[in-house]
C-alpha atoms as a PDB file:
ATOM      1  CA  MET A   1     -19.253 -17.283  -6.014  1.00  0.00           C
ATOM      2  CA  ALA A   2     -20.024 -19.454  -3.379  1.00  0.00           C
ATOM      3  CA  THR A   3     -23.876 -20.887  -4.667  1.00  0.00           C
ATOM      4  CA  ARG A   4     -24.677 -24.405  -5.561  1.00  0.00           C
ATOM      5  CA  ALA A   5     -28.533 -24.047  -5.205  1.00  0.00           C
ATOM      6  CA  ALA A   6     -29.163 -23.524  -8.707  1.00  0.00           C
ATOM      7  CA  ALA A   7     -27.045 -26.300 -10.333  1.00  0.00           C
ATOM      8  CA  ALA A   8     -27.391 -28.971  -7.561  1.00  0.00           C
ATOM      9  CA  PRO A   9     -29.995 -31.680  -8.547  1.00  0.00           C
ATOM     10  CA  GLU A  10     -32.308 -32.927  -6.141  1.00  0.00           C
ATOM     11  CA  ALA A  11     -30.918 -36.992  -7.027  1.00  0.00           C
ATOM     12  CA  THR A  12     -27.465 -35.170  -5.043  1.00  0.00           C
ATOM     13  CA  ARG A  13     -28.958 -35.098  -1.887  1.00  0.00           C
ATOM     14  CA  GLY A  14     -30.584 -38.468  -1.909  1.00  0.00           C
ATOM     15  CA  SER A  15     -27.966 -39.597   0.582  1.00  0.00           C
ATOM     16  CA  GLY A  16     -28.797 -36.538   3.532  1.00  0.00           C
ATOM     17  CA  GLN A  17     -32.547 -37.280   3.007  1.00  0.00           C
ATOM     18  CA  SER A  18     -32.554 -41.174   3.481  1.00  0.00           C
ATOM     19  CA  VAL A  19     -31.122 -40.089   7.516  1.00  0.00           C
ATOM     20  CA  LEU A  20     -33.401 -37.498   8.418  1.00  0.00           C
ATOM     21  CA  PRO A  21     -34.362 -38.451  11.974  1.00  0.00           C
ATOM     22  CA  ASP A  22     -38.135 -39.115  12.912  1.00  0.00           C
ATOM     23  CA  GLU A  23     -38.519 -35.690  15.120  1.00  0.00           C
ATOM     24  CA  ASP A  24     -38.115 -33.615  11.998  1.00  0.00           C
ATOM     25  CA  LYS A  25     -41.614 -34.941  10.835  1.00  0.00           C
ATOM     26  CA  PHE A  26     -41.697 -33.495   7.273  1.00  0.00           C
ATOM     27  CA  ASN A  27     -42.368 -35.400   4.216  1.00  0.00           C
ATOM     28  CA  LYS A  28     -39.430 -36.381   1.874  1.00  0.00           C
ATOM     29  CA  ASP A  29     -41.166 -34.308  -0.844  1.00  0.00           C
ATOM     30  CA  GLU A  30     -40.983 -31.155   1.616  1.00  0.00           C
ATOM     31  CA  GLU A  31     -37.486 -31.400   2.355  1.00  0.00           C
ATOM     32  CA  VAL A  32     -36.229 -30.813  -1.564  1.00  0.00           C
ATOM     33  CA  MET A  33     -35.640 -27.352  -0.680  1.00  0.00           C
ATOM     34  CA  ALA A  34     -33.688 -27.848   2.118  1.00  0.00           C
ATOM     35  CA  TRP A  35     -30.774 -29.659   0.852  1.00  0.00           C
ATOM     36  CA  ARG A  36     -30.048 -27.751  -2.179  1.00  0.00           C
ATOM     37  CA  PHE A  37     -27.498 -25.432  -0.724  1.00  0.00           C
ATOM     38  CA  LEU A  38     -25.608 -27.708   1.772  1.00  0.00           C
ATOM     39  CA  SER A  39     -26.447 -31.515   2.720  1.00  0.00           C
ATOM     40  CA  PHE A  40     -28.023 -32.695   5.728  1.00  0.00           C
ATOM     41  CA  ALA A  41     -24.343 -34.005   7.134  1.00  0.00           C
ATOM     42  CA  GLU A  42     -22.756 -30.604   6.304  1.00  0.00           C
ATOM     43  CA  VAL A  43     -25.502 -29.047   8.462  1.00  0.00           C
ATOM     44  CA  SER A  44     -26.225 -31.373  11.314  1.00  0.00           C
ATOM     45  CA  ILE A  45     -21.820 -31.139  11.654  1.00  0.00           C
ATOM     46  CA  MET A  46     -22.232 -27.219  12.120  1.00  0.00           C
ATOM     47  CA  LEU A  47     -24.744 -27.419  14.094  1.00  0.00           C
ATOM     48  CA  GLU A  48     -22.451 -29.372  16.959  1.00  0.00           C
ATOM     49  CA  GLN A  49     -19.973 -26.272  16.320  1.00  0.00           C
ATOM     50  CA  ASP A  50     -18.984 -23.046  17.953  1.00  0.00           C
ATOM     51  CA  VAL A  51     -18.919 -19.550  15.569  1.00  0.00           C
ATOM     52  CA  ALA A  52     -15.282 -20.397  14.921  1.00  0.00           C
ATOM     53  CA  GLY A  53     -15.837 -24.115  13.869  1.00  0.00           C
ATOM     54  CA  VAL A  54     -18.987 -22.606  11.922  1.00  0.00           C
ATOM     55  CA  GLU A  55     -16.736 -20.158   9.451  1.00  0.00           C
ATOM     56  CA  LYS A  56     -13.606 -23.044   9.134  1.00  0.00           C
ATOM     57  CA  SER A  57     -16.493 -25.759   7.879  1.00  0.00           C
ATOM     58  CA  LEU A  58     -18.218 -23.138   5.611  1.00  0.00           C
ATOM     59  CA  GLU A  59     -15.291 -21.791   4.221  1.00  0.00           C
ATOM     60  CA  GLU A  60     -14.443 -25.458   3.654  1.00  0.00           C
ATOM     61  CA  PHE A  61     -17.641 -26.086   2.190  1.00  0.00           C
ATOM     62  CA  LEU A  62     -17.827 -23.465   0.159  1.00  0.00           C
ATOM     63  CA  ASN A  63     -14.234 -23.211  -0.927  1.00  0.00           C
ATOM     64  CA  LEU A  64     -13.713 -19.891   0.032  1.00  0.00           C
ATOM     65  CA  THR A  65      -9.905 -20.180  -0.100  1.00  0.00           C
ATOM     66  CA  HIS A  66      -8.546 -17.161  -0.199  1.00  0.00           C
ATOM     67  CA  ARG A  67     -10.678 -15.173   2.061  1.00  0.00           C
ATOM     68  CA  LEU A  68      -8.045 -13.125   3.888  1.00  0.00           C
ATOM     69  CA  THR A  69      -7.248 -11.794   0.536  1.00  0.00           C
ATOM     70  CA  SER A  70     -10.904 -11.129  -1.409  1.00  0.00           C
ATOM     71  CA  LEU A  71     -13.281  -8.927  -0.406  1.00  0.00           C
ATOM     72  CA  LYS A  72     -15.619 -10.883  -1.851  1.00  0.00           C
ATOM     73  CA  GLU A  73     -14.989 -14.230  -0.483  1.00  0.00           C
ATOM     74  CA  ALA A  74     -14.691 -12.678   3.021  1.00  0.00           C
ATOM     75  CA  ALA A  75     -18.207 -10.753   2.643  1.00  0.00           C
ATOM     76  CA  LEU A  76     -20.452 -14.203   1.315  1.00  0.00           C
ATOM     77  CA  LEU A  77     -18.197 -16.248   4.415  1.00  0.00           C
ATOM     78  CA  ASP A  78     -19.435 -13.519   6.921  1.00  0.00           C
ATOM     79  CA  TYR A  79     -23.526 -13.326   5.055  1.00  0.00           C
ATOM     80  CA  TYR A  80     -23.734 -16.830   5.399  1.00  0.00           C
ATOM     81  CA  VAL A  81     -22.098 -17.783   9.094  1.00  0.00           C
ATOM     82  CA  SER A  82     -24.264 -14.743  10.556  1.00  0.00           C
ATOM     83  CA  GLY A  83     -27.492 -16.643   8.621  1.00  0.00           C
ATOM     84  CA  PHE A  84     -26.653 -19.874  10.156  1.00  0.00           C
ATOM     85  CA  TRP A  85     -25.798 -18.523  13.519  1.00  0.00           C
ATOM     86  CA  TRP A  86     -28.753 -16.699  13.681  1.00  0.00           C
ATOM     87  CA  ALA A  87     -31.034 -19.867  12.369  1.00  0.00           C
ATOM     88  CA  LYS A  88     -29.571 -21.570  15.178  1.00  0.00           C
ATOM     89  CA  GLY A  89     -30.337 -19.207  18.327  1.00  0.00           C
ATOM     90  CA  LEU A  90     -34.036 -19.341  16.999  1.00  0.00           C
ATOM     91  CA  GLU A  91     -33.795 -22.811  17.637  1.00  0.00           C
ATOM     92  CA  PHE A  92     -34.335 -24.173  13.614  1.00  0.00           C
ATOM     93  CA  SER A  93     -34.545 -27.823  13.263  1.00  0.00           C
ATOM     94  CA  SER A  94     -31.609 -29.151  10.690  1.00  0.00           C
ATOM     95  CA  VAL A  95     -34.450 -29.160   8.066  1.00  0.00           C
ATOM     96  CA  GLN A  96     -35.143 -25.645   8.857  1.00  0.00           C
ATOM     97  CA  VAL A  97     -31.166 -24.508   8.859  1.00  0.00           C
ATOM     98  CA  GLY A  98     -31.119 -25.584   5.637  1.00  0.00           C
ATOM     99  CA  GLY A  99     -33.675 -24.648   4.163  1.00  0.00           C
ATOM    100  CA  PHE A 100     -33.316 -20.969   5.357  1.00  0.00           C
ATOM    101  CA  LEU A 101     -29.532 -21.245   4.294  1.00  0.00           C
ATOM    102  CA  THR A 102     -31.026 -22.304   0.640  1.00  0.00           C
ATOM    103  CA  LEU A 103     -33.156 -19.111   0.851  1.00  0.00           C
ATOM    104  CA  LEU A 104     -29.923 -16.737   1.332  1.00  0.00           C
ATOM    105  CA  ASN A 105     -28.032 -18.757  -1.230  1.00  0.00           C
ATOM    106  CA  LEU A 106     -31.037 -18.407  -3.573  1.00  0.00           C
ATOM    107  CA  LEU A 107     -31.365 -14.428  -3.243  1.00  0.00           C
ATOM    108  CA  LEU A 108     -27.613 -13.213  -3.542  1.00  0.00           C
ATOM    109  CA  ASP A 109     -28.043 -15.975  -6.536  1.00  0.00           C
ATOM    110  CA  ASN A 110     -30.623 -13.601  -8.100  1.00  0.00           C
ATOM    111  CA  LEU A 111     -28.658 -10.717  -7.503  1.00  0.00           C
ATOM    112  CA  GLU A 112     -25.384 -11.670  -8.589  1.00  0.00           C
ATOM    113  CA  THR A 113     -26.632 -13.756 -11.586  1.00  0.00           C
ATOM    114  CA  TYR A 114     -29.798 -12.734 -12.726  1.00  0.00           C
ATOM    115  CA  HIS A 115     -28.865  -9.020 -11.985  1.00  0.00           C
ATOM    116  CA  MET A 116     -32.474  -8.507 -10.304  1.00  0.00           C
ATOM    117  CA  THR A 117     -33.269  -5.285  -8.822  1.00  0.00           C
ATOM    118  CA  LEU A 118     -34.496  -4.676  -4.663  1.00  0.00           C
ATOM    119  CA  GLU A 119     -37.937  -4.693  -6.071  1.00  0.00           C
ATOM    120  CA  GLU A 120     -37.799  -8.115  -7.906  1.00  0.00           C
ATOM    121  CA  ASN A 121     -36.041  -9.735  -5.505  1.00  0.00           C
ATOM    122  CA  ILE A 122     -38.635  -8.673  -2.866  1.00  0.00           C
ATOM    123  CA  GLN A 123     -41.047 -10.245  -5.151  1.00  0.00           C
ATOM    124  CA  GLU A 124     -38.982 -13.698  -5.054  1.00  0.00           C
ATOM    125  CA  LEU A 125     -38.929 -13.741  -1.690  1.00  0.00           C
ATOM    126  CA  ALA A 126     -42.627 -13.383  -1.261  1.00  0.00           C
ATOM    127  CA  SER A 127     -43.208 -15.982  -3.601  1.00  0.00           C
ATOM    128  CA  THR A 128     -40.870 -18.191  -2.252  1.00  0.00           C
ATOM    129  CA  MET A 129     -43.043 -17.564   1.251  1.00  0.00           C
ATOM    130  CA  ALA A 130     -45.815 -18.687  -0.937  1.00  0.00           C
ATOM    131  CA  GLY A 131     -47.917 -21.492   1.098  1.00  0.00           C
ATOM    132  CA  ILE A 132     -46.358 -21.082   4.591  1.00  0.00           C
ATOM    133  CA  GLY A 133     -49.138 -21.666   7.391  1.00  0.00           C
ATOM    134  CA  LEU A 134     -51.635 -23.312   4.506  1.00  0.00           C
ATOM    135  CA  SER A 135     -52.846 -26.380   4.526  1.00  0.00           C
ATOM    136  CA  ASN A 136     -53.191 -28.091   0.887  1.00  0.00           C
ATOM    137  CA  SER A 137     -52.561 -24.903  -0.631  1.00  0.00           C
ATOM    138  CA  GLU A 138     -51.868 -24.930  -4.588  1.00  0.00           C
ATOM    139  CA  ILE A 139     -49.324 -22.008  -4.297  1.00  0.00           C
ATOM    140  CA  SER A 140     -46.525 -23.505  -2.900  1.00  0.00           C
ATOM    141  CA  GLY A 141     -42.567 -21.819  -2.540  1.00  0.00           C
ATOM    142  CA  GLY A 142     -40.572 -25.116  -1.049  1.00  0.00           C
ATOM    143  CA  PHE A 143     -40.417 -23.856   2.146  1.00  0.00           C
ATOM    144  CA  GLU A 144     -43.936 -25.361   3.676  1.00  0.00           C
ATOM    145  CA  PHE A 145     -41.502 -26.516   6.724  1.00  0.00           C
ATOM    146  CA  PHE A 146     -41.537 -23.134   8.482  1.00  0.00           C
ATOM    147  CA  THR A 147     -43.984 -21.698  10.732  1.00  0.00           C
ATOM    148  CA  VAL A 148     -45.775 -18.075  10.202  1.00  0.00           C
ATOM    149  CA  ASP A 149     -43.843 -16.536  12.636  1.00  0.00           C
ATOM    150  CA  GLN A 150     -40.935 -18.338  11.742  1.00  0.00           C
ATOM    151  CA  ALA A 151     -41.702 -16.753   8.001  1.00  0.00           C
ATOM    152  CA  LYS A 152     -41.961 -13.367   9.804  1.00  0.00           C
ATOM    153  CA  ALA A 153     -38.888 -13.582  11.690  1.00  0.00           C
ATOM    154  CA  ILE A 154     -37.316 -14.512   8.324  1.00  0.00           C
ATOM    155  CA  ILE A 155     -38.521 -11.667   6.493  1.00  0.00           C
ATOM    156  CA  ASN A 156     -37.826  -9.001   8.897  1.00  0.00           C
ATOM    157  CA  TYR A 157     -33.847 -10.709   9.059  1.00  0.00           C
ATOM    158  CA  VAL A 158     -33.504 -10.990   5.292  1.00  0.00           C
ATOM    159  CA  LYS A 159     -34.998  -7.067   5.378  1.00  0.00           C
ATOM    160  CA  SER A 160     -31.813  -6.124   7.632  1.00  0.00           C
ATOM    161  CA  SER A 161     -28.933  -7.985   6.326  1.00  0.00           C
ATOM    162  CA  LEU A 162     -29.924  -8.063   2.592  1.00  0.00           C
ATOM    163  CA  PHE A 163     -32.002  -5.560   1.355  1.00  0.00           C
ATOM    164  CA  GLN A 164     -31.057  -2.636   3.486  1.00  0.00           C
ATOM    165  CA  HIS A 165     -27.708  -3.320   2.217  1.00  0.00           C
ATOM    166  CA  TYR A 166     -28.545  -4.268  -1.414  1.00  0.00           C
ATOM    167  CA  THR A 167     -26.508  -1.009  -3.028  1.00  0.00           C
ATOM    168  CA  LEU A 168     -23.551  -2.616  -1.261  1.00  0.00           C
ATOM    169  CA  TYR A 169     -24.019  -6.345  -2.488  1.00  0.00           C
ATOM    170  CA  GLU A 170     -24.500  -5.296  -6.217  1.00  0.00           C
ATOM    171  CA  TYR A 171     -21.026  -2.948  -5.867  1.00  0.00           C
ATOM    172  CA  LEU A 172     -19.667  -6.089  -4.594  1.00  0.00           C
ATOM    173  CA  PHE A 173     -20.758  -8.616  -7.583  1.00  0.00           C
ATOM    174  CA  HIS A 174     -20.728  -5.973 -10.436  1.00  0.00           C
ATOM    175  CA  SER A 175     -18.155  -3.461  -9.681  1.00  0.00           C
ATOM    176  CA  PRO A 176     -14.910  -4.536 -10.969  1.00  0.00           C
ATOM    177  CA  ARG A 177     -11.759  -3.537  -8.340  1.00  0.00           C
ATOM    178  CA  GLU A 178      -8.351  -3.480  -9.226  1.00  0.00           C
ATOM    179  CA  GLU A 179      -5.935  -5.504  -7.247  1.00  0.00           C
ATOM    180  CA  VAL A 180      -3.743  -3.478  -5.002  1.00  0.00           C
ATOM    181  CA  VAL A 181      -0.327  -4.790  -4.912  1.00  0.00           C
ATOM    182  CA  ILE A 182       1.169  -4.777  -1.602  1.00  0.00           C
ATOM    183  CA  GLY A 183       5.077  -4.484  -1.414  1.00  0.00           C
ATOM    184  CA  ASP A 184       8.293  -2.657   0.076  1.00  0.00           C
ATOM    185  CA  GLU A 185      11.429  -1.440  -1.529  1.00  0.00           C
ATOM    186  CA  LYS A 186      14.363  -0.736  -0.217  1.00  0.00           C
ATOM    187  CA  VAL A 187      17.450   1.272  -1.595  1.00  0.00           C
ATOM    188  CA  VAL A 188      20.881   0.647  -0.833  1.00  0.00           C
ATOM    189  CA  GLU A 189      23.442   2.991  -1.289  1.00  0.00           C
ATOM    190  CA  LEU A 190      27.169   1.782  -1.820  1.00  0.00           C
ATOM    191  CA  VAL A 191      29.821   3.735   0.452  1.00  0.00           C
ATOM    192  CA  LYS A 192      32.217   5.103  -2.359  1.00  0.00           C
ATOM    193  CA  PRO A 193      36.080   4.110  -2.243  1.00  0.00           C
ATOM    194  CA  SER A 194      38.386   5.415   0.560  1.00  0.00           C
ATOM    195  CA  LYS A 195      39.732   7.412  -1.892  1.00  0.00           C
ATOM    196  CA  MET A 196      37.151  10.012  -2.338  1.00  0.00           C
ATOM    197  CA  PRO A 197      35.265  11.673   0.797  1.00  0.00           C
ATOM    198  CA  PHE A 198      31.479  10.372   0.831  1.00  0.00           C
ATOM    199  CA  PRO A 199      29.787  12.237   0.071  1.00  0.00           C
ATOM    200  CA  ALA A 200      31.815  14.683  -2.071  1.00  0.00           C
ATOM    201  CA  PRO A 201      32.609  18.207  -0.839  1.00  0.00           C
ATOM    202  CA  LEU A 202      30.620  20.732  -2.994  1.00  0.00           C
ATOM    203  CA  GLU A 203      33.161  22.796  -4.869  1.00  0.00           C
ATOM    204  CA  GLU A 204      31.039  26.138  -3.486  1.00  0.00           C
ATOM    205  CA  GLY A 205      32.371  24.760   0.078  1.00  0.00           C
ATOM    206  CA  LEU A 206      36.211  24.699  -0.762  1.00  0.00           C
ATOM    207  CA  PRO A 207      38.790  27.254  -2.326  1.00  0.00           C
ATOM    208  CA  SER A 208      38.826  26.569  -5.896  1.00  0.00           C
ATOM    209  CA  ASP A 209      42.815  25.606  -5.468  1.00  0.00           C
ATOM    210  CA  ILE A 210      42.203  22.790  -2.930  1.00  0.00           C
ATOM    211  CA  TYR A 211      38.875  21.566  -5.193  1.00  0.00           C
ATOM    212  CA  PHE A 212      40.972  21.529  -8.207  1.00  0.00           C
ATOM    213  CA  LYS A 213      43.911  19.877  -6.776  1.00  0.00           C
ATOM    214  CA  PHE A 214      42.495  17.203  -4.481  1.00  0.00           C
ATOM    215  CA  VAL A 215      38.567  16.567  -5.270  1.00  0.00           C
ATOM    216  CA  ALA A 216      38.446  17.651  -9.175  1.00  0.00           C
ATOM    217  CA  LEU A 217      41.133  14.952 -10.253  1.00  0.00           C
ATOM    218  CA  THR A 218      41.048  13.822 -13.539  1.00  0.00           C
ATOM    219  CA  ALA A 219      41.535   9.915 -14.267  1.00  0.00           C
ATOM    220  CA  GLY A 220      45.113  10.199 -15.808  1.00  0.00           C
ATOM    221  CA  GLU A 221      45.916  12.334 -12.484  1.00  0.00           C
ATOM    222  CA  GLU A 222      44.610   9.756 -10.328  1.00  0.00           C
ATOM    223  CA  GLU A 223      46.721   7.243 -11.939  1.00  0.00           C
ATOM    224  CA  GLU A 224      49.683   9.536 -12.015  1.00  0.00           C
ATOM    225  CA  GLU A 225      49.109   9.681  -7.913  1.00  0.00           C
ATOM    226  CA  GLU A 226      48.840   6.299  -7.577  1.00  0.00           C
ATOM    227  CA  GLU A 227      51.980   5.496  -9.362  1.00  0.00           C
ATOM    228  CA  GLU A 228      54.159   7.991  -7.722  1.00  0.00           C
ATOM    229  CA  GLU A 229      52.475   6.203  -4.658  1.00  0.00           C
ATOM    230  CA  GLU A 230      53.292   2.720  -5.458  1.00  0.00           C
ATOM    231  CA  GLU A 231      56.974   3.937  -6.179  1.00  0.00           C
ATOM    232  CA  ALA A 232      57.309   6.111  -2.446  1.00  0.00           C
ATOM    233  CA  LYS A 233      56.463   3.130  -1.152  1.00  0.00           C
ATOM    234  CA  GLY A 234      58.907   0.090  -0.293  1.00  0.00           C
ATOM    235  CA  PRO A 235      59.117  -3.687  -0.989  1.00  0.00           C
ATOM    236  CA  GLU A 236      56.581  -4.123   1.843  1.00  0.00           C
ATOM    237  CA  GLY A 237      53.929  -1.309   0.951  1.00  0.00           C
ATOM    238  CA  VAL A 238      55.974   0.894   3.545  1.00  0.00           C
ATOM    239  CA  LEU A 239      56.819   4.447   2.463  1.00  0.00           C
ATOM    240  CA  ALA A 240      60.200   4.824   2.285  1.00  0.00           C
ATOM    241  CA  GLU A 241      62.156   6.926   4.482  1.00  0.00           C
ATOM    242  CA  VAL A 242      63.628  10.050   3.084  1.00  0.00           C
ATOM    243  CA  PRO A 243      67.041  10.830   4.109  1.00  0.00           C
ATOM    244  CA  ALA A 244      67.936  12.975   6.484  1.00  0.00           C
ATOM    245  CA  GLU A 245      70.210  15.373   4.283  1.00  0.00           C
ATOM    246  CA  GLU A 246      66.384  15.676   2.017  1.00  0.00           C
ATOM    247  CA  GLN A 247      64.252  16.739   5.609  1.00  0.00           C
ATOM    248  CA  VAL A 248      66.786  19.887   6.123  1.00  0.00           C
ATOM    249  CA  THR A 249      64.206  23.013   5.882  1.00  0.00           C
ATOM    250  CA  VAL A 250      65.645  25.789   3.437  1.00  0.00           C
ATOM    251  CA  ASP A 251      65.290  29.335   3.823  1.00  0.00           C
ATOM    252  CA  PRO A 252      62.961  31.034   1.261  1.00  0.00           C
ATOM    253  CA  LEU A 253      64.960  34.561   2.378  1.00  0.00           C
ATOM    254  CA  MET A 254      68.456  32.704   1.892  1.00  0.00           C
ATOM    255  CA  GLY A 255      70.973  35.324  -0.593  1.00  0.00           C
ATOM    256  CA  TYR A 256      68.795  38.176   0.075  1.00  0.00           C
ATOM    257  CA  THR A 257      70.160  41.090   2.038  1.00  0.00           C
ATOM    258  CA  ILE A 258      68.292  43.258   4.250  1.00  0.00           C
ATOM    259  CA  GLU A 259      68.717  46.041   1.443  1.00  0.00           C
ATOM    260  CA  ASP A 260      66.833  44.073  -1.004  1.00  0.00           C
ATOM    261  CA  VAL A 261      64.069  43.505   1.348  1.00  0.00           C
ATOM    262  CA  ARG A 262      64.063  47.222   1.751  1.00  0.00           C
ATOM    263  CA  SER A 263      63.979  48.181  -1.500  1.00  0.00           C
ATOM    264  CA  LEU A 264      61.282  45.311  -1.953  1.00  0.00           C
ATOM    265  CA  LEU A 265      59.346  46.395   0.372  1.00  0.00           C
ATOM    266  CA  GLY A 266      59.611  50.512  -0.417  1.00  0.00           C
ATOM    267  CA  GLN A 267      58.797  49.542  -4.130  1.00  0.00           C
ATOM    268  CA  LEU A 268      55.337  48.001  -2.853  1.00  0.00           C
ATOM    269  CA  THR A 269      54.204  51.227  -1.018  1.00  0.00           C
ATOM    270  CA  ASN A 270      55.075  53.564  -3.594  1.00  0.00           C
ATOM    271  CA  ASP A 271      52.784  51.358  -5.770  1.00  0.00           C
ATOM    272  CA  LEU A 272      49.912  50.815  -3.274  1.00  0.00           C
ATOM    273  CA  ILE A 273      50.194  54.903  -2.165  1.00  0.00           C
ATOM    274  CA  SER A 274      49.899  55.781  -5.854  1.00  0.00           C
ATOM    275  CA  ASN A 275      47.440  53.664  -6.806  1.00  0.00           C
ATOM    276  CA  ILE A 276      44.951  54.805  -3.725  1.00  0.00           C
ATOM    277  CA  GLN A 277      45.984  58.484  -4.719  1.00  0.00           C
ATOM    278  CA  SER A 278      44.699  57.884  -8.338  1.00  0.00           C
ATOM    279  CA  GLU A 279      41.453  56.622  -7.039  1.00  0.00           C
ATOM    280  CA  ILE A 280      40.846  59.338  -4.259  1.00  0.00           C
ATOM    281  CA  TYR A 281      41.863  62.326  -6.721  1.00  0.00           C
ATOM    282  CA  GLU A 282      39.196  60.443  -9.644  1.00  0.00           C
ATOM    283  CA  LYS A 283      36.669  60.054  -7.313  1.00  0.00           C
ATOM    284  CA  LEU A 284      37.334  64.118  -5.957  1.00  0.00           C
ATOM    285  CA  GLN A 285      37.300  64.960  -9.743  1.00  0.00           C
ATOM    286  CA  MET A 286      33.617  63.206  -9.935  1.00  0.00           C
ATOM    287  CA  GLN A 287      32.464  65.438  -7.237  1.00  0.00           C
ATOM    288  CA  GLU A 288      33.537  68.475  -8.014  1.00  0.00           C
ATOM    289  CA  ASP A 289      32.225  68.443 -11.441  1.00  0.00           C
ATOM    290  CA  THR A 290      28.808  67.081 -10.126  1.00  0.00           C
ATOM    291  CA  TYR A 291      28.500  69.710  -7.556  1.00  0.00           C
ATOM    292  CA  SER A 292      29.830  72.539 -10.429  1.00  0.00           C
ATOM    293  CA  THR A 293      27.076  71.066 -12.485  1.00  0.00           C
ATOM    294  CA  ARG A 294      24.228  71.758 -10.096  1.00  0.00           C
ATOM    295  CA  ILE A 295      25.929  74.868  -8.898  1.00  0.00           C
ATOM    296  CA  GLU A 296      25.423  76.425 -12.969  1.00  0.00           C
ATOM    297  CA  LYS A 297      21.983  74.732 -12.845  1.00  0.00           C
ATOM    298  CA  LEU A 298      20.833  77.073  -9.956  1.00  0.00           C
ATOM    299  CA  LYS A 299      22.489  80.151 -11.332  1.00  0.00           C
ATOM    300  CA  LYS A 300      20.314  79.659 -14.554  1.00  0.00           C
ATOM    301  CA  ALA A 301      17.062  78.854 -12.248  1.00  0.00           C
END
């Protein structure tokens, strides 16, 4: 998490405290809490920038290098940028802005590191606000550089920005989330060789003789066809021309007389007619038997 308040000793912020302007009018002892999260130099840089500049600076100061892909880092950056810009809009001094960011970090660290409930964190906020507006008070939360009106505004801001969404922040810090891998998969299908149609015709869509002759060729048959094609080609890969004598069309009826054809047709006709007559006779016989059975039943009734 992008928190530095709990581990940052007071000595590490000494260089920032030594150059504070006189117009802040606060003792160095009162400014300890102001620089536990960000240094005076870092806050001063952001006070001179616009929103985009503040976002970029906080991203660098807090080492939020994966804010574009990490929900947690994006939420933290938005949390601190919104808080800083709100404090700047109320014209907080550099010490007050630094202290306000320290307070935001403290409350968020209580939630993440110490697993404080909402009630416990509200009590923590109340203890940090103790002593504001009181002179020489024995109770001090370290944020006496705020005025009473500023403390009221801070409490209202923390209530609306953090406490009302406390469950969401608990989920952000304490609920593991699976990393979603975003990718794209492309399937490239290669075209089959030209010898086989693409896609291959279905067996049901072709006559069986054509399918088994041209489509469903075995490996041995394909090799034989290739060899025949190679033999048929000339030396330069061109199909050899068939001699003119071999191109003469042969009459399939050559050698048969007209009487032979008539005799063959008559025999085929007689066979067909006899088959049809037999089928008709069988059907008539079945109908006759059926009607006879019905008549016998009627007579008995």
